Amino acid sequence: MIIVLLSWSFDTIYHDILLSRLSDDFGINGTTLTWIASYLTGRVHSVKVGAEHSSESELNLGVPQGSVLGPLVFTLYTVQIRRIADRHGVSVHLELRRRHPALHLLSGVR
C-alpha cells in the first residue's frame, strides 16, 4: 500500500498537463476545455511584507482553491496515480487535508 498525502498538491499542477489529460483521458474539448483553460490562466500573485509589495508574476501552475471546480479538476488530474498503481497491483490511498463536497462526485472515477 502506498499512502500519498496531497496537502499542497493543488499548487503543483501544471496547466498544460492538466488540459492535455482533460482532453485525452476524459474527452473534454472545444468550448469546455477553452473555458477551463481561461479559468487557470491569467492569474497572478505577489507578496506583501509590511508595507512592501513584490511585483506581480504570472502563475503557470496550480489550481485555484476555494471553488467547486478546483477540487474536481485536481481529482481528474490525479486519476493517473490510481491507474498506474492498479496496473502494478499496488493499493493507493490519496488523502487531501481539506475535504471538499465536490470530491464525492468522482469517487467512482478510475
Protein backbone atom coordinates (compact mmCIF):
# COMPACT_ATOMS: atom_id res chain seq x y z
CA MET A 1 0.00 0.00 0.00
CA ILE A 2 1.16 3.49 -0.83
CA ILE A 3 -0.23 6.47 1.05
CA VAL A 4 0.13 9.81 -0.68
CA LEU A 5 -0.53 12.99 1.31
CA LEU A 6 -1.67 15.72 -1.03
CA SER A 7 -1.96 18.69 1.30
CA TRP A 8 -0.23 21.21 -1.00
CA SER A 9 -0.63 19.41 -4.30
CA PHE A 10 -3.19 21.88 -5.66
CA ASP A 11 -0.26 24.28 -6.07
CA THR A 12 1.84 21.90 -8.18
CA ILE A 13 -0.45 21.06 -11.10
CA TYR A 14 0.98 22.00 -14.49
CA HIS A 15 -1.73 23.60 -16.60
CA ASP A 16 -0.60 22.11 -19.93
CA ILE A 17 -0.55 18.57 -18.48
CA LEU A 18 -3.96 19.07 -16.87
CA LEU A 19 -5.53 20.35 -20.09
CA SER A 20 -3.98 17.50 -22.06
CA ARG A 21 -5.37 14.92 -19.61
CA LEU A 22 -8.82 16.50 -19.65
CA SER A 23 -8.82 16.28 -23.44
CA ASP A 24 -7.13 12.91 -23.97
CA ASP A 25 -8.43 10.94 -20.97
CA PHE A 26 -11.87 12.44 -20.43
CA GLY A 27 -12.85 13.80 -23.86
CA ILE A 28 -13.23 17.37 -22.66
CA ASN A 29 -12.67 19.58 -25.71
CA GLY A 30 -13.90 22.66 -27.52
CA THR A 31 -15.63 25.39 -25.57
CA THR A 32 -15.49 23.48 -22.28
CA LEU A 33 -11.72 22.97 -22.48
CA THR A 34 -11.25 26.61 -23.50
CA TRP A 35 -13.35 27.69 -20.53
CA ILE A 36 -11.24 25.59 -18.12
CA ALA A 37 -8.03 26.96 -19.70
CA SER A 38 -9.26 30.52 -19.16
CA TYR A 39 -10.09 29.64 -15.54
CA LEU A 40 -6.48 28.52 -14.99
CA THR A 41 -4.54 31.12 -16.97
CA GLY A 42 -4.00 34.81 -16.49
CA ARG A 43 -3.73 34.56 -12.71
CA VAL A 44 -1.00 36.49 -10.91
CA HIS A 45 0.38 36.63 -7.41
CA SER A 46 2.50 38.94 -5.35
CA VAL A 47 3.90 39.01 -1.83
CA LYS A 48 3.30 41.70 0.77
CA VAL A 49 5.55 42.06 3.80
CA GLY A 50 4.65 45.01 5.95
CA ALA A 51 4.20 47.95 3.61
CA GLU A 52 6.33 46.43 0.84
CA HIS A 53 4.82 44.65 -2.20
CA SER A 54 6.65 42.50 -4.69
CA SER A 55 5.93 42.82 -8.37
CA GLU A 56 3.25 40.51 -9.75
CA SER A 57 4.23 37.33 -11.53
CA GLU A 58 2.04 35.00 -13.55
CA LEU A 59 1.04 31.66 -12.06
CA ASN A 60 1.80 28.91 -14.57
CA LEU A 61 0.80 26.06 -12.31
CA GLY A 62 -1.67 25.27 -9.60
CA VAL A 63 -5.45 25.07 -9.40
CA PRO A 64 -7.41 27.93 -7.84
CA GLN A 65 -8.63 26.89 -4.41
CA GLY A 66 -11.83 27.84 -2.67
CA SER A 67 -14.14 26.88 -5.52
CA VAL A 68 -16.09 23.82 -6.60
CA LEU A 69 -14.10 23.43 -9.82
CA GLY A 70 -10.65 23.34 -8.15
CA PRO A 71 -11.02 20.03 -6.28
CA LEU A 72 -12.91 18.46 -9.18
CA VAL A 73 -10.19 19.33 -11.69
CA PHE A 74 -7.50 18.24 -9.22
CA THR A 75 -9.19 14.85 -8.83
CA LEU A 76 -9.27 14.36 -12.60
CA TYR A 77 -5.57 15.30 -12.73
CA THR A 78 -4.62 12.65 -10.15
CA VAL A 79 -6.62 9.78 -11.68
CA GLN A 80 -3.40 8.67 -13.38
CA ILE A 81 -1.87 7.81 -9.99
CA ARG A 82 -4.60 5.26 -9.33
CA ARG A 83 -4.41 3.86 -12.88
CA ILE A 84 -0.66 3.33 -12.63
CA ALA A 85 -0.99 1.71 -9.20
CA ASP A 86 -3.78 -0.59 -10.41
CA ARG A 87 -1.65 -1.67 -13.36
CA HIS A 88 1.10 -2.74 -10.95
CA GLY A 89 -1.14 -4.27 -8.29
CA VAL A 90 -0.43 -1.57 -5.72
CA SER A 91 -3.10 -0.21 -3.40
CA VAL A 92 -3.12 3.58 -3.15
CA HIS A 93 -4.84 5.89 -0.70
CA LEU A 94 -4.86 9.56 -1.64
CA GLU A 95 -5.65 11.98 1.15
CA LEU A 96 -6.45 15.63 0.92
CA ARG A 97 -6.04 17.61 4.12
CA ARG A 98 -9.06 19.72 3.31
CA ARG A 99 -12.23 17.83 2.47
CA HIS A 100 -14.46 19.28 -0.22
CA PRO A 101 -18.06 18.31 -1.09
CA ALA A 102 -17.29 18.13 -4.83
CA LEU A 103 -14.87 15.22 -4.34
CA HIS A 104 -17.69 12.71 -3.76
CA LEU A 105 -18.80 13.27 -7.35
CA LEU A 106 -15.74 11.44 -8.64
CA SER A 107 -15.50 8.66 -6.09
CA GLY A 108 -16.02 6.07 -8.82
CA VAL A 109 -13.67 7.55 -11.46
CA ARG A 110 -10.88 5.18 -12.42
